[in-house]
Amino acid sequence: MQKLEKKNTEIRDDMAVQRTIFANERTLMAYLRTAIALVAGGFAAIKLSHHVYMEFIGLTLMPLGVLMAVYSFVRYLNKQKLIRRHQQSFQSTSQHREELYEKQASRYGNID
């Protein structure tokens, strides 16, 4: 029973790390969507309007969008490093983790 609890704890820990990685990726995508919208809005403001103030707004929005895209990648990479560092420093609860997975898989006829 304790072995099963340890295995379940390991699985929950692995799944928590995966959820964190996916959340980081979703955040990157949200930043990139916003950056693309800023660049597209700036481009539209320049091309579709003949007013000087709209060109100024467009010329301001486009570099802002590019900066946001660069910031989003830098932020994403820093968070990924932090997640990996925490994952590597985490000590698993079982020393025989791979053996447990193989035994569990062999019970169901799964051979990887």
PDB file of N, CA and C in Angstrom:
ATOM      1  N   MET A   1       0.820  -1.193   0.000  1.00  0.00           N
ATOM      2  CA  MET A   1       0.000   0.000   0.000  1.00  0.00           C
ATOM      3  C   MET A   1       0.870   1.266   0.000  1.00  0.00           C
ATOM      4  N   GLN A   2       1.972   1.240   0.763  1.00  0.00           N
ATOM      5  CA  GLN A   2       2.839   2.407   0.810  1.00  0.00           C
ATOM      6  C   GLN A   2       3.524   2.641  -0.531  1.00  0.00           C
ATOM      7  N   LYS A   3       3.857   1.543  -1.227  1.00  0.00           N
ATOM      8  CA  LYS A   3       4.484   1.691  -2.535  1.00  0.00           C
ATOM      9  C   LYS A   3       3.530   2.378  -3.507  1.00  0.00           C
ATOM     10  N   LEU A   4       2.258   2.003  -3.437  1.00  0.00           N
ATOM     11  CA  LEU A   4       1.268   2.617  -4.314  1.00  0.00           C
ATOM     12  C   LEU A   4       1.095   4.095  -3.985  1.00  0.00           C
ATOM     13  N   GLU A   5       1.112   4.430  -2.702  1.00  0.00           N
ATOM     14  CA  GLU A   5       1.007   5.837  -2.304  1.00  0.00           C
ATOM     15  C   GLU A   5       2.213   6.628  -2.794  1.00  0.00           C
ATOM     16  N   LYS A   6       3.402   6.045  -2.682  1.00  0.00           N
ATOM     17  CA  LYS A   6       4.607   6.726  -3.162  1.00  0.00           C
ATOM     18  C   LYS A   6       4.541   6.939  -4.672  1.00  0.00           C
ATOM     19  N   LYS A   7       4.066   5.915  -5.380  1.00  0.00           N
ATOM     20  CA  LYS A   7       3.958   6.044  -6.834  1.00  0.00           C
ATOM     21  C   LYS A   7       2.943   7.126  -7.197  1.00  0.00           C
ATOM     22  N   ASN A   8       1.815   7.138  -6.513  1.00  0.00           N
ATOM     23  CA  ASN A   8       0.806   8.161  -6.779  1.00  0.00           C
ATOM     24  C   ASN A   8       1.348   9.556  -6.491  1.00  0.00           C
ATOM     25  N   THR A   9       2.144   9.686  -5.447  1.00  0.00           N
ATOM     26  CA  THR A   9       2.747  10.979  -5.123  1.00  0.00           C
ATOM     27  C   THR A   9       3.703  11.408  -6.222  1.00  0.00           C
ATOM     28  N   GLU A  10       4.490  10.471  -6.727  1.00  0.00           N
ATOM     29  CA  GLU A  10       5.416  10.791  -7.814  1.00  0.00           C
ATOM     30  C   GLU A  10       4.667  11.209  -9.068  1.00  0.00           C
ATOM     31  N   ILE A  11       3.599  10.517  -9.373  1.00  0.00           N
ATOM     32  CA  ILE A  11       2.812  10.855 -10.560  1.00  0.00           C
ATOM     33  C   ILE A  11       2.202  12.240 -10.404  1.00  0.00           C
ATOM     34  N   ARG A  12       1.658  12.537  -9.223  1.00  0.00           N
ATOM     35  CA  ARG A  12       1.089  13.863  -8.977  1.00  0.00           C
ATOM     36  C   ARG A  12       2.152  14.950  -9.103  1.00  0.00           C
ATOM     37  N   ASP A  13       3.350  14.674  -8.594  1.00  0.00           N
ATOM     38  CA  ASP A  13       4.438  15.652  -8.703  1.00  0.00           C
ATOM     39  C   ASP A  13       4.832  15.876 -10.160  1.00  0.00           C
ATOM     40  N   ASP A  14       4.939  14.800 -10.930  1.00  0.00           N
ATOM     41  CA  ASP A  14       5.277  14.936 -12.344  1.00  0.00           C
ATOM     42  C   ASP A  14       4.199  15.700 -13.088  1.00  0.00           C
ATOM     43  N   MET A  15       2.958  15.408 -12.775  1.00  0.00           N
ATOM     44  CA  MET A  15       1.852  16.100 -13.437  1.00  0.00           C
ATOM     45  C   MET A  15       1.826  17.582 -13.060  1.00  0.00           C
ATOM     46  N   ALA A  16       2.183  17.909 -11.823  1.00  0.00           N
ATOM     47  CA  ALA A  16       2.233  19.309 -11.399  1.00  0.00           C
ATOM     48  C   ALA A  16       3.306  20.066 -12.180  1.00  0.00           C
ATOM     49  N   VAL A  17       4.433  19.421 -12.406  1.00  0.00           N
ATOM     50  CA  VAL A  17       5.494  20.056 -13.192  1.00  0.00           C
ATOM     51  C   VAL A  17       5.021  20.270 -14.625  1.00  0.00           C
ATOM     52  N   GLN A  18       4.358  19.272 -15.193  1.00  0.00           N
ATOM     53  CA  GLN A  18       3.857  19.408 -16.561  1.00  0.00           C
ATOM     54  C   GLN A  18       2.812  20.522 -16.662  1.00  0.00           C
ATOM     55  N   ARG A  19       1.936  20.625 -15.674  1.00  0.00           N
ATOM     56  CA  ARG A  19       0.943  21.707 -15.675  1.00  0.00           C
ATOM     57  C   ARG A  19       1.626  23.069 -15.616  1.00  0.00           C
ATOM     58  N   THR A  20       2.688  23.164 -14.842  1.00  0.00           N
ATOM     59  CA  THR A  20       3.420  24.423 -14.733  1.00  0.00           C
ATOM     60  C   THR A  20       4.088  24.788 -16.055  1.00  0.00           C
ATOM     61  N   ILE A  21       4.653  23.798 -16.718  1.00  0.00           N
ATOM     62  CA  ILE A  21       5.279  24.033 -18.022  1.00  0.00           C
ATOM     63  C   ILE A  21       4.227  24.494 -19.035  1.00  0.00           C
ATOM     64  N   PHE A  22       3.082  23.826 -19.051  1.00  0.00           N
ATOM     65  CA  PHE A  22       2.022  24.210 -19.985  1.00  0.00           C
ATOM     66  C   PHE A  22       1.482  25.602 -19.674  1.00  0.00           C
ATOM     67  N   ALA A  23       1.375  25.944 -18.403  1.00  0.00           N
ATOM     68  CA  ALA A  23       0.906  27.285 -18.032  1.00  0.00           C
ATOM     69  C   ALA A  23       1.894  28.341 -18.515  1.00  0.00           C
ATOM     70  N   ASN A  24       3.176  28.038 -18.423  1.00  0.00           N
ATOM     71  CA  ASN A  24       4.195  28.965 -18.915  1.00  0.00           C
ATOM     72  C   ASN A  24       4.062  29.144 -20.432  1.00  0.00           C
ATOM     73  N   GLU A  25       3.797  28.054 -21.137  1.00  0.00           N
ATOM     74  CA  GLU A  25       3.621  28.147 -22.590  1.00  0.00           C
ATOM     75  C   GLU A  25       2.364  28.946 -22.945  1.00  0.00           C
ATOM     76  N   ARG A  26       1.285  28.743 -22.190  1.00  0.00           N
ATOM     77  CA  ARG A  26       0.064  29.523 -22.448  1.00  0.00           C
ATOM     78  C   ARG A  26       0.299  31.009 -22.217  1.00  0.00           C
ATOM     79  N   THR A  27       1.083  31.333 -21.212  1.00  0.00           N
ATOM     80  CA  THR A  27       1.403  32.732 -20.947  1.00  0.00           C
ATOM     81  C   THR A  27       2.214  33.319 -22.098  1.00  0.00           C
ATOM     82  N   LEU A  28       3.161  32.552 -22.619  1.00  0.00           N
ATOM     83  CA  LEU A  28       3.933  33.005 -23.782  1.00  0.00           C
ATOM     84  C   LEU A  28       3.004  33.285 -24.956  1.00  0.00           C
ATOM     85  N   MET A  29       2.074  32.387 -25.213  1.00  0.00           N
ATOM     86  CA  MET A  29       1.152  32.580 -26.330  1.00  0.00           C
ATOM     87  C   MET A  29       0.276  33.813 -26.129  1.00  0.00           C
ATOM     88  N   ALA A  30      -0.132  34.074 -24.909  1.00  0.00           N
ATOM     89  CA  ALA A  30      -0.940  35.277 -24.642  1.00  0.00           C
ATOM     90  C   ALA A  30      -0.134  36.543 -24.906  1.00  0.00           C
ATOM     91  N   TYR A  31       1.106  36.552 -24.474  1.00  0.00           N
ATOM     92  CA  TYR A  31       1.965  37.706 -24.749  1.00  0.00           C
ATOM     93  C   TYR A  31       2.160  37.892 -26.252  1.00  0.00           C
ATOM     94  N   LEU A  32       2.385  36.792 -26.968  1.00  0.00           N
ATOM     95  CA  LEU A  32       2.612  36.892 -28.406  1.00  0.00           C
ATOM     96  C   LEU A  32       1.359  37.357 -29.146  1.00  0.00           C
ATOM     97  N   ARG A  33       0.185  36.901 -28.715  1.00  0.00           N
ATOM     98  CA  ARG A  33      -1.057  37.390 -29.326  1.00  0.00           C
ATOM     99  C   ARG A  33      -1.190  38.889 -29.156  1.00  0.00           C
ATOM    100  N   THR A  34      -0.869  39.363 -27.956  1.00  0.00           N
ATOM    101  CA  THR A  34      -0.949  40.798 -27.696  1.00  0.00           C
ATOM    102  C   THR A  34       0.075  41.557 -28.539  1.00  0.00           C
ATOM    103  N   ALA A  35       1.277  41.007 -28.653  1.00  0.00           N
ATOM    104  CA  ALA A  35       2.315  41.665 -29.453  1.00  0.00           C
ATOM    105  C   ALA A  35       1.910  41.743 -30.918  1.00  0.00           C
ATOM    106  N   ILE A  36       1.345  40.668 -31.440  1.00  0.00           N
ATOM    107  CA  ILE A  36       0.901  40.669 -32.836  1.00  0.00           C
ATOM    108  C   ILE A  36      -0.221  41.680 -33.032  1.00  0.00           C
ATOM    109  N   ALA A  37      -1.128  41.763 -32.059  1.00  0.00           N
ATOM    110  CA  ALA A  37      -2.224  42.733 -32.161  1.00  0.00           C
ATOM    111  C   ALA A  37      -1.690  44.164 -32.150  1.00  0.00           C
ATOM    112  N   LEU A  38      -0.684  44.430 -31.345  1.00  0.00           N
ATOM    113  CA  LEU A  38      -0.101  45.775 -31.320  1.00  0.00           C
ATOM    114  C   LEU A  38       0.567  46.131 -32.643  1.00  0.00           C
ATOM    115  N   VAL A  39       1.324  45.188 -33.187  1.00  0.00           N
ATOM    116  CA  VAL A  39       1.995  45.441 -34.464  1.00  0.00           C
ATOM    117  C   VAL A  39       0.955  45.619 -35.571  1.00  0.00           C
ATOM    118  N   ALA A  40      -0.052  44.761 -35.602  1.00  0.00           N
ATOM    119  CA  ALA A  40      -1.090  44.870 -36.628  1.00  0.00           C
ATOM    120  C   ALA A  40      -1.884  46.168 -36.470  1.00  0.00           C
ATOM    121  N   GLY A  41      -2.186  46.544 -35.243  1.00  0.00           N
ATOM    122  CA  GLY A  41      -2.895  47.803 -35.012  1.00  0.00           C
ATOM    123  C   GLY A  41      -2.074  49.003 -35.437  1.00  0.00           C
ATOM    124  N   GLY A  42      -0.802  48.970 -35.165  1.00  0.00           N
ATOM    125  CA  GLY A  42       0.079  50.056 -35.590  1.00  0.00           C
ATOM    126  C   GLY A  42       0.185  50.142 -37.099  1.00  0.00           C
ATOM    127  N   PHE A  43       0.290  48.988 -37.737  1.00  0.00           N
ATOM    128  CA  PHE A  43       0.357  48.956 -39.199  1.00  0.00           C
ATOM    129  C   PHE A  43      -0.934  49.495 -39.818  1.00  0.00           C
ATOM    130  N   ALA A  44      -2.061  49.056 -39.256  1.00  0.00           N
ATOM    131  CA  ALA A  44      -3.352  49.528 -39.765  1.00  0.00           C
ATOM    132  C   ALA A  44      -3.509  51.040 -39.551  1.00  0.00           C
ATOM    133  N   ALA A  45      -3.052  51.528 -38.418  1.00  0.00           N
ATOM    134  CA  ALA A  45      -3.156  52.962 -38.148  1.00  0.00           C
ATOM    135  C   ALA A  45      -2.342  53.769 -39.153  1.00  0.00           C
ATOM    136  N   ILE A  46      -1.207  53.253 -39.550  1.00  0.00           N
ATOM    137  CA  ILE A  46      -0.364  53.969 -40.518  1.00  0.00           C
ATOM    138  C   ILE A  46      -0.967  53.897 -41.922  1.00  0.00           C
ATOM    139  N   LYS A  47      -1.381  52.714 -42.319  1.00  0.00           N
ATOM    140  CA  LYS A  47      -1.826  52.514 -43.701  1.00  0.00           C
ATOM    141  C   LYS A  47      -3.244  53.023 -43.962  1.00  0.00           C
ATOM    142  N   LEU A  48      -4.130  52.939 -43.000  1.00  0.00           N
ATOM    143  CA  LEU A  48      -5.535  53.253 -43.253  1.00  0.00           C
ATOM    144  C   LEU A  48      -5.929  54.680 -42.883  1.00  0.00           C
ATOM    145  N   SER A  49      -5.046  55.426 -42.267  1.00  0.00           N
ATOM    146  CA  SER A  49      -5.392  56.785 -41.871  1.00  0.00           C
ATOM    147  C   SER A  49      -4.411  57.774 -42.494  1.00  0.00           C
ATOM    148  N   HIS A  50      -4.920  58.936 -42.776  1.00  0.00           N
ATOM    149  CA  HIS A  50      -4.073  59.968 -43.372  1.00  0.00           C
ATOM    150  C   HIS A  50      -3.779  61.097 -42.395  1.00  0.00           C
ATOM    151  N   HIS A  51      -4.097  60.859 -41.128  1.00  0.00           N
ATOM    152  CA  HIS A  51      -3.853  61.876 -40.112  1.00  0.00           C
ATOM    153  C   HIS A  51      -2.468  61.666 -39.501  1.00  0.00           C
ATOM    154  N   VAL A  52      -1.821  62.746 -39.167  1.00  0.00           N
ATOM    155  CA  VAL A  52      -0.464  62.693 -38.617  1.00  0.00           C
ATOM    156  C   VAL A  52      -0.462  62.009 -37.252  1.00  0.00           C
ATOM    157  N   TYR A  53      -1.463  62.293 -36.427  1.00  0.00           N
ATOM    158  CA  TYR A  53      -1.478  61.702 -35.090  1.00  0.00           C
ATOM    159  C   TYR A  53      -1.684  60.190 -35.151  1.00  0.00           C
ATOM    160  N   MET A  54      -2.415  59.693 -36.165  1.00  0.00           N
ATOM    161  CA  MET A  54      -2.591  58.244 -36.301  1.00  0.00           C
ATOM    162  C   MET A  54      -1.279  57.591 -36.754  1.00  0.00           C
ATOM    163  N   GLU A  55      -0.534  58.274 -37.592  1.00  0.00           N
ATOM    164  CA  GLU A  55       0.780  57.740 -37.983  1.00  0.00           C
ATOM    165  C   GLU A  55       1.708  57.690 -36.781  1.00  0.00           C
ATOM    166  N   PHE A  56       1.638  58.705 -35.941  1.00  0.00           N
ATOM    167  CA  PHE A  56       2.449  58.715 -34.719  1.00  0.00           C
ATOM    168  C   PHE A  56       2.045  57.558 -33.810  1.00  0.00           C
ATOM    169  N   ILE A  57       0.752  57.342 -33.667  1.00  0.00           N
ATOM    170  CA  ILE A  57       0.273  56.215 -32.843  1.00  0.00           C
ATOM    171  C   ILE A  57       0.738  54.890 -33.442  1.00  0.00           C
ATOM    172  N   GLY A  58       0.632  54.767 -34.765  1.00  0.00           N
ATOM    173  CA  GLY A  58       1.081  53.538 -35.421  1.00  0.00           C
ATOM    174  C   GLY A  58       2.561  53.304 -35.260  1.00  0.00           C
ATOM    175  N   LEU A  59       3.349  54.368 -35.395  1.00  0.00           N
ATOM    176  CA  LEU A  59       4.802  54.234 -35.233  1.00  0.00           C
ATOM    177  C   LEU A  59       5.188  53.958 -33.789  1.00  0.00           C
ATOM    178  N   THR A  60       4.299  54.260 -32.869  1.00  0.00           N
ATOM    179  CA  THR A  60       4.549  53.938 -31.465  1.00  0.00           C
ATOM    180  C   THR A  60       4.141  52.498 -31.152  1.00  0.00           C
ATOM    181  N   LEU A  61       3.010  52.069 -31.704  1.00  0.00           N
ATOM    182  CA  LEU A  61       2.498  50.726 -31.408  1.00  0.00           C
ATOM    183  C   LEU A  61       3.363  49.614 -31.998  1.00  0.00           C
ATOM    184  N   MET A  62       3.890  49.810 -33.184  1.00  0.00           N
ATOM    185  CA  MET A  62       4.657  48.746 -33.828  1.00  0.00           C
ATOM    186  C   MET A  62       5.927  48.365 -33.049  1.00  0.00           C
ATOM    187  N   PRO A  63       6.774  49.322 -32.665  1.00  0.00           N
ATOM    188  CA  PRO A  63       7.938  48.927 -31.855  1.00  0.00           C
ATOM    189  C   PRO A  63       7.537  48.390 -30.478  1.00  0.00           C
ATOM    190  N   LEU A  64       6.445  48.902 -29.950  1.00  0.00           N
ATOM    191  CA  LEU A  64       5.964  48.396 -28.664  1.00  0.00           C
ATOM    192  C   LEU A  64       5.589  46.915 -28.776  1.00  0.00           C
ATOM    193  N   GLY A  65       4.957  46.543 -29.883  1.00  0.00           N
ATOM    194  CA  GLY A  65       4.617  45.140 -30.119  1.00  0.00           C
ATOM    195  C   GLY A  65       5.848  44.266 -30.267  1.00  0.00           C
ATOM    196  N   VAL A  66       6.846  44.770 -30.967  1.00  0.00           N
ATOM    197  CA  VAL A  66       8.094  44.004 -31.135  1.00  0.00           C
ATOM    198  C   VAL A  66       8.791  43.842 -29.788  1.00  0.00           C
ATOM    199  N   LEU A  67       8.824  44.901 -28.999  1.00  0.00           N
ATOM    200  CA  LEU A  67       9.440  44.812 -27.664  1.00  0.00           C
ATOM    201  C   LEU A  67       8.693  43.822 -26.779  1.00  0.00           C
ATOM    202  N   MET A  68       7.371  43.811 -26.884  1.00  0.00           N
ATOM    203  CA  MET A  68       6.595  42.863 -26.088  1.00  0.00           C
ATOM    204  C   MET A  68       6.892  41.421 -26.505  1.00  0.00           C
ATOM    205  N   ALA A  69       7.071  41.185 -27.799  1.00  0.00           N
ATOM    206  CA  ALA A  69       7.405  39.837 -28.269  1.00  0.00           C
ATOM    207  C   ALA A  69       8.767  39.396 -27.733  1.00  0.00           C
ATOM    208  N   VAL A  70       9.741  40.297 -27.782  1.00  0.00           N
ATOM    209  CA  VAL A  70      11.075  39.974 -27.266  1.00  0.00           C
ATOM    210  C   VAL A  70      11.005  39.708 -25.759  1.00  0.00           C
ATOM    211  N   TYR A  71      10.284  40.580 -25.047  1.00  0.00           N
ATOM    212  CA  TYR A  71      10.128  40.393 -23.601  1.00  0.00           C
ATOM    213  C   TYR A  71       9.466  39.054 -23.289  1.00  0.00           C
ATOM    214  N   SER A  72       8.469  38.681 -24.085  1.00  0.00           N
ATOM    215  CA  SER A  72       7.761  37.431 -23.800  1.00  0.00           C
ATOM    216  C   SER A  72       8.685  36.225 -23.951  1.00  0.00           C
ATOM    217  N   PHE A  73       9.558  36.235 -24.960  1.00  0.00           N
ATOM    218  CA  PHE A  73      10.488  35.122 -25.125  1.00  0.00           C
ATOM    219  C   PHE A  73      11.519  35.079 -23.999  1.00  0.00           C
ATOM    220  N   VAL A  74      12.017  36.230 -23.603  1.00  0.00           N
ATOM    221  CA  VAL A  74      12.987  36.275 -22.502  1.00  0.00           C
ATOM    222  C   VAL A  74      12.343  35.769 -21.213  1.00  0.00           C
ATOM    223  N   ARG A  75      11.130  36.218 -20.953  1.00  0.00           N
ATOM    224  CA  ARG A  75      10.404  35.790 -19.758  1.00  0.00           C
ATOM    225  C   ARG A  75      10.148  34.289 -19.795  1.00  0.00           C
ATOM    226  N   TYR A  76       9.719  33.785 -20.938  1.00  0.00           N
ATOM    227  CA  TYR A  76       9.443  32.358 -21.092  1.00  0.00           C
ATOM    228  C   TYR A  76      10.697  31.522 -20.824  1.00  0.00           C
ATOM    229  N   LEU A  77      11.813  31.905 -21.406  1.00  0.00           N
ATOM    230  CA  LEU A  77      13.048  31.141 -21.224  1.00  0.00           C
ATOM    231  C   LEU A  77      13.525  31.178 -19.779  1.00  0.00           C
ATOM    232  N   ASN A  78      13.404  32.335 -19.129  1.00  0.00           N
ATOM    233  CA  ASN A  78      13.804  32.419 -17.718  1.00  0.00           C
ATOM    234  C   ASN A  78      12.928  31.541 -16.837  1.00  0.00           C
ATOM    235  N   LYS A  79      11.636  31.534 -17.093  1.00  0.00           N
ATOM    236  CA  LYS A  79      10.723  30.691 -16.308  1.00  0.00           C
ATOM    237  C   LYS A  79      10.983  29.218 -16.563  1.00  0.00           C
ATOM    238  N   GLN A  80      11.285  28.853 -17.817  1.00  0.00           N
ATOM    239  CA  GLN A  80      11.588  27.460 -18.119  1.00  0.00           C
ATOM    240  C   GLN A  80      12.834  26.997 -17.375  1.00  0.00           C
ATOM    241  N   LYS A  81      13.860  27.845 -17.333  1.00  0.00           N
ATOM    242  CA  LYS A  81      15.076  27.505 -16.586  1.00  0.00           C
ATOM    243  C   LYS A  81      14.754  27.300 -15.110  1.00  0.00           C
ATOM    244  N   LEU A  82      13.930  28.178 -14.561  1.00  0.00           N
ATOM    245  CA  LEU A  82      13.556  28.074 -13.163  1.00  0.00           C
ATOM    246  C   LEU A  82      12.776  26.793 -12.898  1.00  0.00           C
ATOM    247  N   ILE A  83      11.853  26.456 -13.782  1.00  0.00           N
ATOM    248  CA  ILE A  83      11.070  25.223 -13.625  1.00  0.00           C
ATOM    249  C   ILE A  83      11.984  24.011 -13.688  1.00  0.00           C
ATOM    250  N   ARG A  84      12.886  23.982 -14.654  1.00  0.00           N
ATOM    251  CA  ARG A  84      13.814  22.845 -14.792  1.00  0.00           C
ATOM    252  C   ARG A  84      14.737  22.727 -13.576  1.00  0.00           C
ATOM    253  N   ARG A  85      15.199  23.867 -13.073  1.00  0.00           N
ATOM    254  CA  ARG A  85      16.072  23.850 -11.899  1.00  0.00           C
ATOM    255  C   ARG A  85      15.334  23.283 -10.689  1.00  0.00           C
ATOM    256  N   HIS A  86      14.093  23.680 -10.503  1.00  0.00           N
ATOM    257  CA  HIS A  86      13.299  23.143  -9.397  1.00  0.00           C
ATOM    258  C   HIS A  86      13.011  21.661  -9.598  1.00  0.00           C
ATOM    259  N   GLN A  87      12.781  21.284 -10.844  1.00  0.00           N
ATOM    260  CA  GLN A  87      12.499  19.883 -11.128  1.00  0.00           C
ATOM    261  C   GLN A  87      13.727  19.012 -10.853  1.00  0.00           C
ATOM    262  N   GLN A  88      14.911  19.494 -11.203  1.00  0.00           N
ATOM    263  CA  GLN A  88      16.127  18.721 -10.980  1.00  0.00           C
ATOM    264  C   GLN A  88      16.487  18.640  -9.499  1.00  0.00           C
ATOM    265  N   SER A  89      16.191  19.694  -8.751  1.00  0.00           N
ATOM    266  CA  SER A  89      16.523  19.676  -7.326  1.00  0.00           C
ATOM    267  C   SER A  89      15.521  18.880  -6.505  1.00  0.00           C
ATOM    268  N   PHE A  90      14.373  18.554  -7.114  1.00  0.00           N
ATOM    269  CA  PHE A  90      13.347  17.790  -6.409  1.00  0.00           C
ATOM    270  C   PHE A  90      13.808  16.352  -6.229  1.00  0.00           C
ATOM    271  N   GLN A  91      13.720  15.851  -5.030  1.00  0.00           N
ATOM    272  CA  GLN A  91      14.094  14.474  -4.740  1.00  0.00           C
ATOM    273  C   GLN A  91      12.840  13.606  -4.808  1.00  0.00           C
ATOM    274  N   SER A  92      12.881  12.583  -5.641  1.00  0.00           N
ATOM    275  CA  SER A  92      11.711  11.713  -5.764  1.00  0.00           C
ATOM    276  C   SER A  92      11.523  10.910  -4.480  1.00  0.00           C
ATOM    277  N   THR A  93      10.306  10.481  -4.242  1.00  0.00           N
ATOM    278  CA  THR A  93       9.993   9.781  -2.999  1.00  0.00           C
ATOM    279  C   THR A  93      10.390   8.319  -3.048  1.00  0.00           C
ATOM    280  N   SER A  94      10.691   7.811  -4.210  1.00  0.00           N
ATOM    281  CA  SER A  94      11.052   6.409  -4.341  1.00  0.00           C
ATOM    282  C   SER A  94      12.354   6.277  -5.120  1.00  0.00           C
ATOM    283  N   GLN A  95      13.201   5.386  -4.656  1.00  0.00           N
ATOM    284  CA  GLN A  95      14.464   5.148  -5.354  1.00  0.00           C
ATOM    285  C   GLN A  95      14.270   4.205  -6.542  1.00  0.00           C
ATOM    286  N   HIS A  96      13.157   3.509  -6.578  1.00  0.00           N
ATOM    287  CA  HIS A  96      12.916   2.501  -7.609  1.00  0.00           C
ATOM    288  C   HIS A  96      11.778   2.927  -8.525  1.00  0.00           C
ATOM    289  N   ARG A  97      11.795   4.133  -8.911  1.00  0.00           N
ATOM    290  CA  ARG A  97      10.717   4.712  -9.701  1.00  0.00           C
ATOM    291  C   ARG A  97      10.524   4.006 -11.045  1.00  0.00           C
ATOM    292  N   GLU A  98      11.585   3.815 -11.783  1.00  0.00           N
ATOM    293  CA  GLU A  98      11.481   3.170 -13.094  1.00  0.00           C
ATOM    294  C   GLU A  98      10.998   1.731 -12.962  1.00  0.00           C
ATOM    295  N   GLU A  99      11.474   1.037 -11.937  1.00  0.00           N
ATOM    296  CA  GLU A  99      11.036  -0.340 -11.737  1.00  0.00           C
ATOM    297  C   GLU A  99       9.541  -0.402 -11.454  1.00  0.00           C
ATOM    298  N   LEU A 100       9.042   0.541 -10.669  1.00  0.00           N
ATOM    299  CA  LEU A 100       7.608   0.572 -10.380  1.00  0.00           C
ATOM    300  C   LEU A 100       6.794   0.813 -11.640  1.00  0.00           C
ATOM    301  N   TYR A 101       7.265   1.723 -12.479  1.00  0.00           N
ATOM    302  CA  TYR A 101       6.547   1.999 -13.727  1.00  0.00           C
ATOM    303  C   TYR A 101       6.534   0.763 -14.625  1.00  0.00           C
ATOM    304  N   GLU A 102       7.669   0.075 -14.701  1.00  0.00           N
ATOM    305  CA  GLU A 102       7.741  -1.119 -15.546  1.00  0.00           C
ATOM    306  C   GLU A 102       6.833  -2.220 -15.020  1.00  0.00           C
ATOM    307  N   LYS A 103       6.814  -2.409 -13.708  1.00  0.00           N
ATOM    308  CA  LYS A 103       5.935  -3.423 -13.123  1.00  0.00           C
ATOM    309  C   LYS A 103       4.471  -3.078 -13.381  1.00  0.00           C
ATOM    310  N   GLN A 104       4.114  -1.824 -13.207  1.00  0.00           N
ATOM    311  CA  GLN A 104       2.742  -1.384 -13.428  1.00  0.00           C
ATOM    312  C   GLN A 104       2.363  -1.594 -14.883  1.00  0.00           C
ATOM    313  N   ALA A 105       3.250  -1.253 -15.795  1.00  0.00           N
ATOM    314  CA  ALA A 105       2.958  -1.391 -17.216  1.00  0.00           C
ATOM    315  C   ALA A 105       2.850  -2.859 -17.611  1.00  0.00           C
ATOM    316  N   SER A 106       3.680  -3.718 -17.028  1.00  0.00           N
ATOM    317  CA  SER A 106       3.647  -5.133 -17.384  1.00  0.00           C
ATOM    318  C   SER A 106       2.370  -5.800 -16.886  1.00  0.00           C
ATOM    319  N   ARG A 107       1.769  -5.288 -15.841  1.00  0.00           N
ATOM    320  CA  ARG A 107       0.502  -5.849 -15.347  1.00  0.00           C
ATOM    321  C   ARG A 107      -0.606  -5.693 -16.376  1.00  0.00           C
ATOM    322  N   TYR A 108      -0.551  -4.643 -17.145  1.00  0.00           N
ATOM    323  CA  TYR A 108      -1.593  -4.370 -18.132  1.00  0.00           C
ATOM    324  C   TYR A 108      -1.179  -4.800 -19.541  1.00  0.00           C
ATOM    325  N   GLY A 109      -0.010  -5.421 -19.636  1.00  0.00           N
ATOM    326  CA  GLY A 109       0.435  -5.885 -20.941  1.00  0.00           C
ATOM    327  C   GLY A 109       1.064  -4.785 -21.795  1.00  0.00           C
ATOM    328  N   ASN A 110       1.379  -3.669 -21.194  1.00  0.00           N
ATOM    329  CA  ASN A 110       2.016  -2.575 -21.922  1.00  0.00           C
ATOM    330  C   ASN A 110       3.518  -2.722 -21.843  1.00  0.00           C
ATOM    331  N   ILE A 111       4.141  -2.818 -22.977  1.00  0.00           N
ATOM    332  CA  ILE A 111       5.606  -2.901 -23.007  1.00  0.00           C
ATOM    333  C   ILE A 111       6.096  -1.792 -23.895  1.00  0.00           C
ATOM    334  N   ASP A 112       6.863  -0.892 -23.326  1.00  0.00           N
ATOM    335  CA  ASP A 112       7.395   0.248 -24.086  1.00  0.00           C
ATOM    336  C   ASP A 112       8.841   0.025 -24.420  1.00  0.00           C
TER     337      ASP A 112
END
